[in-house]
N, C-alpha and C. Protein backbone atom coordinates (compact mmCIF):
# COMPACT_ATOMS: atom_id res chain seq x y z
N MET A 1 3.70 -0.45 29.79
CA MET A 1 4.58 0.51 29.12
C MET A 1 4.22 1.93 29.58
N ALA A 2 5.24 2.72 29.89
CA ALA A 2 5.00 4.08 30.36
C ALA A 2 4.42 4.94 29.24
N ILE A 3 3.49 5.82 29.58
CA ILE A 3 2.90 6.73 28.61
C ILE A 3 3.83 7.92 28.43
N PRO A 4 4.20 8.25 27.20
CA PRO A 4 5.07 9.41 26.97
C PRO A 4 4.48 10.67 27.59
N ARG A 5 5.35 11.52 28.12
CA ARG A 5 4.87 12.74 28.79
C ARG A 5 4.08 13.61 27.83
N ALA A 6 4.47 13.66 26.55
CA ALA A 6 3.75 14.48 25.57
C ALA A 6 2.30 14.04 25.48
N ALA A 7 2.08 12.70 25.51
CA ALA A 7 0.72 12.18 25.43
C ALA A 7 -0.05 12.53 26.69
N GLN A 8 0.65 12.49 27.85
CA GLN A 8 -0.01 12.86 29.09
C GLN A 8 -0.46 14.32 29.04
N THR A 9 0.41 15.18 28.48
CA THR A 9 0.11 16.60 28.42
C THR A 9 -1.11 16.85 27.56
N GLN A 10 -1.24 16.09 26.46
CA GLN A 10 -2.37 16.27 25.56
C GLN A 10 -3.69 15.90 26.22
N ARG A 11 -3.65 14.99 27.19
CA ARG A 11 -4.88 14.53 27.83
C ARG A 11 -5.00 15.06 29.26
N ARG A 12 -4.59 16.34 29.44
CA ARG A 12 -4.66 16.95 30.76
C ARG A 12 -6.10 17.00 31.24
N THR A 13 -6.31 16.56 32.46
CA THR A 13 -7.64 16.55 33.05
C THR A 13 -7.87 17.84 33.84
N ARG A 14 -9.10 18.03 34.28
CA ARG A 14 -9.41 19.19 35.10
C ARG A 14 -8.59 19.18 36.37
N ILE A 15 -8.42 18.00 36.97
CA ILE A 15 -7.64 17.89 38.20
C ILE A 15 -6.19 18.28 37.96
N GLN A 16 -5.63 17.83 36.82
CA GLN A 16 -4.25 18.19 36.49
C GLN A 16 -4.12 19.70 36.31
N GLU A 17 -5.09 20.31 35.64
CA GLU A 17 -5.06 21.76 35.45
C GLU A 17 -5.13 22.48 36.78
N GLU A 18 -5.97 21.98 37.68
CA GLU A 18 -6.09 22.60 39.00
C GLU A 18 -4.79 22.46 39.78
N LYS A 19 -4.15 21.30 39.70
CA LYS A 19 -2.87 21.09 40.39
C LYS A 19 -1.81 22.05 39.85
N GLU A 20 -1.78 22.21 38.53
CA GLU A 20 -0.81 23.12 37.94
C GLU A 20 -1.03 24.55 38.41
N GLU A 21 -2.29 24.94 38.55
CA GLU A 21 -2.58 26.29 39.03
C GLU A 21 -2.13 26.46 40.48
N VAL A 22 -2.32 25.43 41.30
CA VAL A 22 -1.86 25.48 42.69
C VAL A 22 -0.34 25.65 42.73
N ILE A 23 0.34 24.90 41.89
CA ILE A 23 1.81 24.99 41.83
C ILE A 23 2.25 26.37 41.38
N LEU A 24 1.63 26.88 40.34
CA LEU A 24 2.03 28.19 39.81
C LEU A 24 1.73 29.31 40.80
N GLU A 25 0.65 29.18 41.56
CA GLU A 25 0.35 30.17 42.60
C GLU A 25 1.46 30.16 43.66
N ALA A 26 1.86 28.97 44.08
CA ALA A 26 2.93 28.87 45.07
C ALA A 26 4.25 29.38 44.49
N ALA A 27 4.52 29.05 43.23
CA ALA A 27 5.75 29.50 42.58
C ALA A 27 5.77 31.02 42.47
N LEU A 28 4.62 31.61 42.19
CA LEU A 28 4.54 33.06 42.09
C LEU A 28 4.88 33.72 43.42
N ASP A 29 4.37 33.16 44.51
CA ASP A 29 4.70 33.67 45.84
C ASP A 29 6.20 33.63 46.09
N VAL A 30 6.80 32.49 45.77
CA VAL A 30 8.23 32.30 46.06
C VAL A 30 9.10 33.15 45.14
N PHE A 31 8.84 33.10 43.85
CA PHE A 31 9.66 33.85 42.90
C PHE A 31 9.56 35.36 43.12
N SER A 32 8.35 35.86 43.40
CA SER A 32 8.19 37.30 43.57
C SER A 32 8.87 37.79 44.83
N LEU A 33 9.02 36.92 45.82
CA LEU A 33 9.67 37.28 47.07
C LEU A 33 11.19 37.09 47.02
N ARG A 34 11.63 35.99 46.42
CA ARG A 34 13.04 35.61 46.49
C ARG A 34 13.79 35.76 45.17
N GLY A 35 13.07 36.01 44.08
CA GLY A 35 13.74 36.02 42.78
C GLY A 35 14.01 34.61 42.30
N PHE A 36 14.39 34.45 41.06
CA PHE A 36 14.62 33.12 40.52
C PHE A 36 15.78 32.41 41.22
N ARG A 37 16.88 33.11 41.36
CA ARG A 37 18.08 32.47 41.92
C ARG A 37 17.90 32.08 43.38
N GLY A 38 17.13 32.86 44.13
CA GLY A 38 16.95 32.58 45.55
C GLY A 38 15.85 31.59 45.85
N SER A 39 15.17 31.11 44.82
CA SER A 39 14.04 30.19 45.02
C SER A 39 14.45 28.75 44.78
N THR A 40 13.78 27.84 45.47
CA THR A 40 14.05 26.41 45.30
C THR A 40 12.75 25.66 45.03
N ILE A 41 12.89 24.51 44.42
CA ILE A 41 11.72 23.66 44.18
C ILE A 41 11.11 23.21 45.51
N ASP A 42 11.95 22.97 46.51
CA ASP A 42 11.45 22.57 47.82
C ASP A 42 10.54 23.65 48.41
N GLN A 43 10.92 24.91 48.29
CA GLN A 43 10.10 26.00 48.80
C GLN A 43 8.76 26.06 48.09
N ILE A 44 8.79 25.86 46.78
CA ILE A 44 7.55 25.91 45.99
C ILE A 44 6.66 24.73 46.35
N ALA A 45 7.24 23.55 46.48
CA ALA A 45 6.47 22.37 46.85
C ALA A 45 5.81 22.55 48.22
N GLU A 46 6.55 23.13 49.16
CA GLU A 46 5.99 23.38 50.49
C GLU A 46 4.81 24.35 50.39
N GLY A 47 4.99 25.42 49.60
CA GLY A 47 3.92 26.39 49.43
C GLY A 47 2.69 25.80 48.76
N ALA A 48 2.91 24.84 47.86
CA ALA A 48 1.80 24.19 47.16
C ALA A 48 1.16 23.09 47.98
N GLY A 49 1.80 22.72 49.09
CA GLY A 49 1.27 21.66 49.94
C GLY A 49 1.37 20.29 49.32
N MET A 50 2.46 20.04 48.60
CA MET A 50 2.65 18.72 47.99
C MET A 50 4.11 18.32 48.07
N SER A 51 4.36 17.06 47.81
CA SER A 51 5.73 16.57 47.87
C SER A 51 6.50 17.04 46.63
N LYS A 52 7.82 17.07 46.76
CA LYS A 52 8.66 17.47 45.64
C LYS A 52 8.48 16.53 44.44
N PRO A 53 8.47 15.19 44.64
CA PRO A 53 8.25 14.30 43.48
C PRO A 53 6.90 14.54 42.80
N ASN A 54 5.87 14.83 43.60
CA ASN A 54 4.56 15.10 43.01
C ASN A 54 4.60 16.38 42.18
N LEU A 55 5.25 17.42 42.69
CA LEU A 55 5.37 18.66 41.94
C LEU A 55 6.12 18.45 40.63
N LEU A 56 7.20 17.65 40.69
CA LEU A 56 8.02 17.43 39.51
C LEU A 56 7.30 16.61 38.44
N TYR A 57 6.20 15.99 38.79
CA TYR A 57 5.38 15.30 37.79
C TYR A 57 4.74 16.33 36.86
N TYR A 58 4.40 17.50 37.41
CA TYR A 58 3.74 18.54 36.63
C TYR A 58 4.72 19.50 35.98
N PHE A 59 5.77 19.84 36.70
CA PHE A 59 6.81 20.74 36.17
C PHE A 59 8.16 20.13 36.50
N ARG A 60 8.91 19.76 35.50
CA ARG A 60 10.16 19.04 35.72
C ARG A 60 11.27 19.92 36.27
N THR A 61 11.21 21.22 36.01
CA THR A 61 12.28 22.11 36.43
C THR A 61 11.75 23.40 37.02
N LYS A 62 12.59 24.06 37.77
CA LYS A 62 12.28 25.39 38.28
C LYS A 62 12.12 26.37 37.11
N GLU A 63 12.96 26.18 36.10
CA GLU A 63 12.88 27.03 34.91
C GLU A 63 11.52 26.92 34.23
N GLY A 64 10.96 25.72 34.20
CA GLY A 64 9.67 25.53 33.56
C GLY A 64 8.56 26.29 34.25
N MET A 65 8.57 26.27 35.58
CA MET A 65 7.56 27.03 36.33
C MET A 65 7.74 28.53 36.14
N HIS A 66 8.99 28.96 36.18
CA HIS A 66 9.29 30.38 36.04
C HIS A 66 8.88 30.88 34.65
N ARG A 67 9.19 30.12 33.62
CA ARG A 67 8.85 30.56 32.27
C ARG A 67 7.33 30.59 32.07
N ALA A 68 6.63 29.62 32.63
CA ALA A 68 5.17 29.61 32.52
C ALA A 68 4.57 30.87 33.14
N LEU A 69 5.12 31.27 34.28
CA LEU A 69 4.63 32.48 34.94
C LEU A 69 4.99 33.74 34.16
N ILE A 70 6.22 33.80 33.67
CA ILE A 70 6.65 34.98 32.91
C ILE A 70 5.84 35.13 31.64
N ASP A 71 5.58 34.02 30.95
CA ASP A 71 4.76 34.07 29.74
C ASP A 71 3.38 34.64 30.05
N ARG A 72 2.81 34.20 31.15
CA ARG A 72 1.47 34.66 31.54
C ARG A 72 1.50 36.13 31.92
N VAL A 73 2.53 36.53 32.66
CA VAL A 73 2.64 37.93 33.07
C VAL A 73 2.77 38.84 31.86
N LEU A 74 3.65 38.47 30.93
CA LEU A 74 3.86 39.32 29.76
C LEU A 74 2.60 39.42 28.91
N GLU A 75 1.89 38.32 28.78
CA GLU A 75 0.66 38.34 28.00
C GLU A 75 -0.33 39.34 28.59
N ASN A 76 -0.48 39.32 29.92
CA ASN A 76 -1.41 40.24 30.57
C ASN A 76 -0.86 41.66 30.62
N TRP A 77 0.45 41.78 30.85
CA TRP A 77 1.08 43.09 31.01
C TRP A 77 1.02 43.91 29.73
N LEU A 78 1.04 43.23 28.58
CA LEU A 78 1.07 43.94 27.30
C LEU A 78 -0.31 44.33 26.80
N GLU A 79 -1.36 43.79 27.40
CA GLU A 79 -2.71 44.08 26.91
C GLU A 79 -3.04 45.57 26.91
N PRO A 80 -2.74 46.33 27.98
CA PRO A 80 -3.05 47.76 27.95
C PRO A 80 -2.33 48.50 26.82
N LEU A 81 -1.09 48.12 26.54
CA LEU A 81 -0.35 48.78 25.46
C LEU A 81 -0.91 48.39 24.10
N LYS A 82 -1.33 47.14 23.97
CA LYS A 82 -1.95 46.72 22.71
C LYS A 82 -3.21 47.51 22.43
N ALA A 83 -3.91 47.91 23.48
CA ALA A 83 -5.18 48.63 23.32
C ALA A 83 -4.98 50.10 22.96
N PHE A 84 -3.75 50.57 23.00
CA PHE A 84 -3.43 51.96 22.64
C PHE A 84 -3.83 52.18 21.19
N ASP A 85 -4.85 53.01 20.94
CA ASP A 85 -5.50 53.10 19.63
C ASP A 85 -5.09 54.36 18.87
N ALA A 86 -4.54 54.18 17.69
CA ALA A 86 -4.10 55.31 16.87
C ALA A 86 -5.27 56.22 16.49
N ASP A 87 -6.47 55.65 16.38
CA ASP A 87 -7.64 56.43 15.97
C ASP A 87 -8.36 57.09 17.15
N GLY A 88 -7.88 56.80 18.35
CA GLY A 88 -8.53 57.37 19.53
C GLY A 88 -8.04 58.78 19.83
N ASP A 89 -8.70 59.42 20.77
CA ASP A 89 -8.28 60.75 21.24
C ASP A 89 -7.03 60.58 22.12
N PRO A 90 -5.93 61.29 21.82
CA PRO A 90 -4.69 61.10 22.58
C PRO A 90 -4.84 61.25 24.09
N GLU A 91 -5.62 62.25 24.50
CA GLU A 91 -5.81 62.43 25.95
C GLU A 91 -6.48 61.23 26.58
N GLU A 92 -7.55 60.75 25.96
CA GLU A 92 -8.27 59.61 26.51
C GLU A 92 -7.43 58.34 26.45
N GLU A 93 -6.64 58.19 25.39
CA GLU A 93 -5.78 57.01 25.28
C GLU A 93 -4.72 57.01 26.38
N LEU A 94 -4.13 58.17 26.64
CA LEU A 94 -3.12 58.27 27.69
C LEU A 94 -3.73 58.02 29.07
N ARG A 95 -4.88 58.64 29.33
CA ARG A 95 -5.53 58.44 30.62
C ARG A 95 -5.89 56.96 30.83
N SER A 96 -6.44 56.36 29.80
CA SER A 96 -6.84 54.95 29.90
C SER A 96 -5.63 54.05 30.14
N TYR A 97 -4.55 54.33 29.44
CA TYR A 97 -3.34 53.51 29.60
C TYR A 97 -2.80 53.62 31.02
N ILE A 98 -2.72 54.83 31.53
CA ILE A 98 -2.22 55.04 32.90
C ILE A 98 -3.13 54.35 33.91
N ARG A 99 -4.44 54.50 33.75
CA ARG A 99 -5.38 53.86 34.68
C ARG A 99 -5.22 52.34 34.67
N ARG A 100 -5.13 51.76 33.48
CA ARG A 100 -5.03 50.30 33.39
C ARG A 100 -3.71 49.79 33.96
N LYS A 101 -2.63 50.54 33.76
CA LYS A 101 -1.34 50.13 34.33
C LYS A 101 -1.38 50.21 35.86
N LEU A 102 -2.04 51.22 36.40
CA LEU A 102 -2.15 51.32 37.85
C LEU A 102 -3.05 50.22 38.41
N GLU A 103 -4.11 49.90 37.70
CA GLU A 103 -4.99 48.81 38.13
C GLU A 103 -4.23 47.49 38.18
N MET A 104 -3.34 47.28 37.23
CA MET A 104 -2.55 46.05 37.22
C MET A 104 -1.55 46.05 38.38
N ALA A 105 -0.98 47.22 38.67
CA ALA A 105 -0.07 47.31 39.82
C ALA A 105 -0.82 47.01 41.12
N ARG A 106 -2.06 47.47 41.19
CA ARG A 106 -2.89 47.24 42.39
C ARG A 106 -3.32 45.79 42.51
N ASP A 107 -3.75 45.20 41.40
CA ASP A 107 -4.36 43.87 41.42
C ASP A 107 -3.35 42.73 41.27
N PHE A 108 -2.17 43.02 40.70
CA PHE A 108 -1.20 41.96 40.44
C PHE A 108 0.20 42.35 40.92
N PRO A 109 0.35 42.68 42.20
CA PRO A 109 1.67 43.12 42.70
C PRO A 109 2.73 42.03 42.64
N ARG A 110 2.33 40.78 42.87
CA ARG A 110 3.33 39.70 42.82
C ARG A 110 3.88 39.54 41.41
N GLU A 111 3.00 39.64 40.43
CA GLU A 111 3.43 39.51 39.04
C GLU A 111 4.39 40.63 38.67
N SER A 112 4.10 41.84 39.15
CA SER A 112 4.99 42.97 38.87
C SER A 112 6.36 42.75 39.48
N ARG A 113 6.40 42.26 40.71
CA ARG A 113 7.69 42.01 41.37
C ARG A 113 8.43 40.85 40.72
N LEU A 114 7.70 39.85 40.26
CA LEU A 114 8.33 38.74 39.53
C LEU A 114 9.06 39.27 38.30
N PHE A 115 8.37 40.12 37.54
CA PHE A 115 8.96 40.69 36.34
C PHE A 115 10.14 41.59 36.68
N ALA A 116 9.98 42.43 37.71
CA ALA A 116 11.07 43.33 38.11
C ALA A 116 12.30 42.55 38.54
N ASN A 117 12.11 41.47 39.30
CA ASN A 117 13.24 40.64 39.72
C ASN A 117 13.97 40.05 38.52
N GLU A 118 13.21 39.61 37.54
CA GLU A 118 13.83 39.05 36.33
C GLU A 118 14.67 40.10 35.60
N ILE A 119 14.15 41.31 35.49
CA ILE A 119 14.89 42.38 34.82
C ILE A 119 16.13 42.75 35.61
N LEU A 120 16.01 42.84 36.93
CA LEU A 120 17.16 43.22 37.76
C LEU A 120 18.29 42.19 37.67
N GLN A 121 17.94 40.95 37.38
CA GLN A 121 18.95 39.90 37.25
C GLN A 121 19.50 39.79 35.82
N GLY A 122 19.14 40.76 34.97
CA GLY A 122 19.66 40.77 33.60
C GLY A 122 18.78 40.08 32.59
N ALA A 123 17.55 39.75 32.97
CA ALA A 123 16.57 39.11 32.08
C ALA A 123 17.12 37.85 31.41
N PRO A 124 17.75 36.94 32.16
CA PRO A 124 18.34 35.76 31.53
C PRO A 124 17.34 34.82 30.88
N HIS A 125 16.08 34.85 31.33
CA HIS A 125 15.09 33.92 30.81
C HIS A 125 14.16 34.53 29.78
N ILE A 126 14.18 35.85 29.64
CA ILE A 126 13.21 36.49 28.74
C ILE A 126 13.84 37.50 27.78
N GLU A 127 15.15 37.46 27.65
CA GLU A 127 15.80 38.42 26.76
C GLU A 127 15.25 38.32 25.34
N ASP A 128 14.96 37.09 24.89
CA ASP A 128 14.42 36.91 23.54
C ASP A 128 13.06 37.59 23.40
N MET A 129 12.25 37.53 24.44
CA MET A 129 10.92 38.14 24.40
C MET A 129 11.02 39.66 24.42
N LEU A 130 11.97 40.19 25.22
CA LEU A 130 12.13 41.63 25.30
C LEU A 130 12.57 42.21 23.95
N LYS A 131 13.49 41.50 23.29
CA LYS A 131 14.02 41.98 22.02
C LYS A 131 13.10 41.65 20.84
N GLY A 132 12.14 40.76 21.09
CA GLY A 132 11.23 40.36 20.03
C GLY A 132 9.85 40.94 20.23
N GLN A 133 8.99 40.20 20.92
CA GLN A 133 7.59 40.57 21.08
C GLN A 133 7.41 41.95 21.71
N LEU A 134 8.14 42.23 22.80
CA LEU A 134 7.98 43.52 23.48
C LEU A 134 8.45 44.67 22.61
N LYS A 135 9.63 44.53 22.03
CA LYS A 135 10.17 45.61 21.20
C LYS A 135 9.27 45.91 20.01
N GLU A 136 8.75 44.86 19.37
CA GLU A 136 7.88 45.06 18.21
C GLU A 136 6.63 45.84 18.60
N LEU A 137 6.05 45.51 19.75
CA LEU A 137 4.85 46.20 20.19
C LEU A 137 5.15 47.65 20.55
N VAL A 138 6.24 47.88 21.27
CA VAL A 138 6.60 49.25 21.64
C VAL A 138 6.89 50.08 20.39
N ASP A 139 7.62 49.52 19.44
CA ASP A 139 7.91 50.23 18.19
C ASP A 139 6.62 50.64 17.49
N GLU A 140 5.65 49.74 17.49
CA GLU A 140 4.36 50.03 16.85
C GLU A 140 3.66 51.19 17.54
N LYS A 141 3.65 51.21 18.87
CA LYS A 141 2.95 52.27 19.60
C LYS A 141 3.73 53.58 19.58
N VAL A 142 5.04 53.50 19.44
CA VAL A 142 5.85 54.71 19.26
C VAL A 142 5.42 55.44 17.98
N GLU A 143 5.14 54.68 16.94
CA GLU A 143 4.69 55.29 15.69
C GLU A 143 3.32 55.94 15.86
N VAL A 144 2.47 55.36 16.72
CA VAL A 144 1.17 55.98 17.00
C VAL A 144 1.38 57.35 17.64
N ILE A 145 2.24 57.41 18.64
CA ILE A 145 2.51 58.68 19.32
C ILE A 145 3.13 59.68 18.37
N ARG A 146 4.05 59.22 17.53
CA ARG A 146 4.67 60.12 16.55
C ARG A 146 3.64 60.68 15.57
N SER A 147 2.65 59.88 15.23
CA SER A 147 1.60 60.37 14.32
C SER A 147 0.80 61.48 14.99
N TRP A 148 0.56 61.37 16.31
CA TRP A 148 -0.13 62.42 17.05
C TRP A 148 0.73 63.68 17.11
N ILE A 149 2.02 63.51 17.28
CA ILE A 149 2.93 64.66 17.34
C ILE A 149 2.93 65.40 16.01
N ARG A 150 2.95 64.66 14.92
CA ARG A 150 3.01 65.28 13.59
C ARG A 150 1.81 66.17 13.30
N VAL A 151 0.65 65.81 13.81
CA VAL A 151 -0.55 66.61 13.54
C VAL A 151 -0.86 67.58 14.69
N GLY A 152 0.05 67.70 15.64
CA GLY A 152 -0.10 68.69 16.70
C GLY A 152 -1.02 68.30 17.84
N LYS A 153 -1.37 67.02 17.94
CA LYS A 153 -2.24 66.59 19.04
C LYS A 153 -1.47 66.31 20.32
N VAL A 154 -0.16 66.12 20.19
CA VAL A 154 0.71 65.86 21.34
C VAL A 154 1.97 66.69 21.16
N HIS A 155 2.46 67.26 22.26
CA HIS A 155 3.70 68.03 22.21
C HIS A 155 4.86 67.13 21.76
N GLU A 156 5.88 67.76 21.20
CA GLU A 156 7.09 67.05 20.81
C GLU A 156 7.70 66.36 22.03
N CYS A 157 7.98 65.08 21.89
CA CYS A 157 8.61 64.31 22.97
C CYS A 157 9.24 63.06 22.38
N ASP A 158 10.00 62.37 23.18
CA ASP A 158 10.57 61.08 22.77
C ASP A 158 9.58 60.00 23.19
N PRO A 159 8.88 59.36 22.25
CA PRO A 159 7.83 58.39 22.61
C PRO A 159 8.35 57.20 23.41
N TYR A 160 9.57 56.77 23.14
CA TYR A 160 10.11 55.65 23.91
C TYR A 160 10.21 56.01 25.39
N HIS A 161 10.76 57.20 25.66
CA HIS A 161 10.93 57.59 27.06
C HIS A 161 9.60 57.94 27.71
N LEU A 162 8.63 58.35 26.92
CA LEU A 162 7.29 58.55 27.45
C LEU A 162 6.73 57.22 27.96
N ILE A 163 6.85 56.18 27.15
CA ILE A 163 6.35 54.86 27.55
C ILE A 163 7.12 54.35 28.77
N PHE A 164 8.44 54.53 28.77
CA PHE A 164 9.24 54.11 29.93
C PHE A 164 8.78 54.85 31.19
N SER A 165 8.48 56.14 31.04
CA SER A 165 8.06 56.94 32.20
C SER A 165 6.74 56.44 32.77
N ILE A 166 5.82 56.08 31.90
CA ILE A 166 4.53 55.56 32.38
C ILE A 166 4.74 54.22 33.06
N TRP A 167 5.58 53.38 32.48
CA TRP A 167 5.88 52.09 33.13
C TRP A 167 6.43 52.32 34.53
N SER A 168 7.44 53.17 34.63
CA SER A 168 8.13 53.32 35.92
C SER A 168 7.23 53.95 36.98
N THR A 169 6.44 54.96 36.60
CA THR A 169 5.61 55.62 37.60
C THR A 169 4.44 54.77 38.06
N THR A 170 3.89 53.96 37.18
CA THR A 170 2.75 53.12 37.59
C THR A 170 3.21 51.87 38.33
N GLN A 171 4.23 51.20 37.83
CA GLN A 171 4.67 49.96 38.47
C GLN A 171 5.38 50.21 39.80
N HIS A 172 5.80 51.45 40.02
CA HIS A 172 6.39 51.81 41.31
C HIS A 172 5.45 51.46 42.46
N TYR A 173 4.14 51.60 42.23
CA TYR A 173 3.16 51.38 43.29
C TYR A 173 2.96 49.90 43.62
N ALA A 174 3.49 49.02 42.77
CA ALA A 174 3.51 47.59 43.09
C ALA A 174 4.87 47.19 43.65
N ASP A 175 5.94 47.58 42.95
CA ASP A 175 7.28 47.12 43.32
C ASP A 175 7.78 47.75 44.61
N PHE A 176 7.31 48.98 44.92
CA PHE A 176 7.75 49.67 46.13
C PHE A 176 6.56 49.98 47.04
N ASP A 177 5.60 49.08 47.05
CA ASP A 177 4.37 49.32 47.81
C ASP A 177 4.63 49.53 49.29
N VAL A 178 5.55 48.77 49.86
CA VAL A 178 5.86 48.92 51.29
C VAL A 178 6.34 50.33 51.58
N GLN A 179 7.22 50.84 50.73
CA GLN A 179 7.75 52.19 50.91
C GLN A 179 6.65 53.23 50.75
N VAL A 180 5.81 53.06 49.73
CA VAL A 180 4.72 54.01 49.49
C VAL A 180 3.80 54.08 50.70
N ARG A 181 3.39 52.92 51.23
CA ARG A 181 2.48 52.90 52.36
C ARG A 181 3.12 53.49 53.62
N ALA A 182 4.43 53.22 53.79
CA ALA A 182 5.12 53.73 54.97
C ALA A 182 5.20 55.25 54.94
N VAL A 183 5.49 55.81 53.78
CA VAL A 183 5.64 57.26 53.66
C VAL A 183 4.28 57.96 53.75
N LEU A 184 3.26 57.39 53.12
CA LEU A 184 1.94 58.01 53.15
C LEU A 184 1.28 57.92 54.52
N GLY A 185 1.55 56.84 55.24
CA GLY A 185 0.91 56.64 56.53
C GLY A 185 -0.48 56.06 56.39
N ASP A 186 -1.05 55.66 57.51
CA ASP A 186 -2.35 54.98 57.49
C ASP A 186 -3.46 55.84 56.90
N GLY A 187 -3.38 57.14 57.10
CA GLY A 187 -4.46 58.00 56.66
C GLY A 187 -4.63 58.09 55.16
N LYS A 188 -3.52 58.00 54.42
CA LYS A 188 -3.58 58.20 52.97
C LYS A 188 -3.30 56.94 52.16
N SER A 189 -2.73 55.93 52.78
CA SER A 189 -2.29 54.76 52.01
C SER A 189 -3.45 53.97 51.42
N THR A 190 -4.62 54.03 52.06
CA THR A 190 -5.74 53.24 51.55
C THR A 190 -6.24 53.75 50.20
N SER A 191 -6.04 55.02 49.93
CA SER A 191 -6.50 55.58 48.65
C SER A 191 -5.34 55.85 47.70
N ARG A 192 -4.20 55.18 47.92
CA ARG A 192 -2.99 55.51 47.17
C ARG A 192 -3.14 55.31 45.66
N PHE A 193 -3.86 54.27 45.23
CA PHE A 193 -3.97 54.02 43.79
C PHE A 193 -4.90 55.03 43.13
N GLU A 194 -5.99 55.38 43.79
CA GLU A 194 -6.89 56.39 43.24
C GLU A 194 -6.19 57.75 43.18
N ASP A 195 -5.48 58.10 44.25
CA ASP A 195 -4.77 59.38 44.28
C ASP A 195 -3.67 59.41 43.22
N ALA A 196 -2.95 58.30 43.10
CA ALA A 196 -1.88 58.23 42.10
C ALA A 196 -2.45 58.35 40.69
N GLY A 197 -3.59 57.72 40.46
CA GLY A 197 -4.21 57.78 39.14
C GLY A 197 -4.55 59.21 38.75
N ARG A 198 -5.18 59.95 39.67
CA ARG A 198 -5.53 61.34 39.37
C ARG A 198 -4.28 62.18 39.12
N TYR A 199 -3.27 61.98 39.96
CA TYR A 199 -2.05 62.77 39.82
C TYR A 199 -1.33 62.46 38.50
N LEU A 200 -1.13 61.19 38.21
CA LEU A 200 -0.36 60.81 37.02
C LEU A 200 -1.09 61.17 35.73
N GLU A 201 -2.40 61.01 35.73
CA GLU A 201 -3.15 61.39 34.53
C GLU A 201 -2.95 62.88 34.24
N GLU A 202 -3.10 63.71 35.26
CA GLU A 202 -2.96 65.15 35.05
C GLU A 202 -1.52 65.51 34.70
N LEU A 203 -0.57 64.84 35.33
CA LEU A 203 0.85 65.12 35.06
C LEU A 203 1.17 64.90 33.59
N PHE A 204 0.79 63.76 33.06
CA PHE A 204 1.12 63.45 31.68
C PHE A 204 0.27 64.25 30.69
N VAL A 205 -1.01 64.41 30.99
CA VAL A 205 -1.88 65.14 30.06
C VAL A 205 -1.45 66.60 29.95
N ARG A 206 -1.18 67.25 31.09
CA ARG A 206 -0.78 68.66 31.05
C ARG A 206 0.56 68.84 30.35
N GLY A 207 1.43 67.87 30.48
CA GLY A 207 2.74 67.99 29.85
C GLY A 207 2.75 67.64 28.37
N LEU A 208 1.74 66.90 27.91
CA LEU A 208 1.78 66.37 26.55
C LEU A 208 0.71 66.92 25.62
N ILE A 209 -0.45 67.27 26.17
CA ILE A 209 -1.56 67.70 25.31
C ILE A 209 -1.56 69.22 25.20
N PRO A 210 -1.48 69.76 23.99
CA PRO A 210 -1.48 71.22 23.82
C PRO A 210 -2.72 71.86 24.43
N ARG A 211 -2.56 73.04 24.98
CA ARG A 211 -3.69 73.77 25.56
C ARG A 211 -4.71 74.05 24.47
N GLY A 212 -5.96 73.92 24.86
CA GLY A 212 -7.02 74.13 23.89
C GLY A 212 -7.53 72.84 23.29
N THR A 213 -6.71 71.74 23.45
CA THR A 213 -7.16 70.43 22.96
C THR A 213 -7.44 69.48 24.10
N ALA A 214 -6.80 69.68 25.26
CA ALA A 214 -7.02 68.78 26.39
C ALA A 214 -8.46 68.86 26.84
N GLY A 215 -9.09 67.70 26.92
CA GLY A 215 -10.47 67.61 27.36
C GLY A 215 -11.47 68.02 26.31
N ALA A 216 -10.97 68.31 25.09
CA ALA A 216 -11.89 68.74 24.02
C ALA A 216 -12.73 67.59 23.54
């Protein structure tokens, strides 16, 4: 008698976990390059070095692989924003957030492009997460920024657009890395993330932190 798939999932072995990681690594390569619609299970199987039937034993659909990756990306992507501390110094919190977002752009460019591709296609697979988990977290951190504004620690601004601005300026270095390196040239491209970090930190701090409090 065949063992139900649910029972198989409950008794996942180390080898099964390793196989799933190989598949997800290959899927990440394909999805980040081609987007969901342009990717096929055959391409992912080839990248994973296994047959299509073998791959389908672990993930029955392309959607299943894509959702597993998106879930993982969002979990990691939201960590820096979760760490945004209402009791911390606004300047240090902003600098830390910008640094961590740039580090993620540097260390996880495929994940950033995977997410960007999903958004560009209208977020068909994660709209519920954007309107739920993501919105709730952003709303919470918007209130943190508003509390700093009320006591004069941060200049008046729209906190939503502040967060959007940090997202766009930091993730640009992952999603448009080829363009960044081409424009900077060989001499400057190797230090692009460090240079960007210094520039963006000063840009946001000078624009948001009242004089006399920055660096205090």
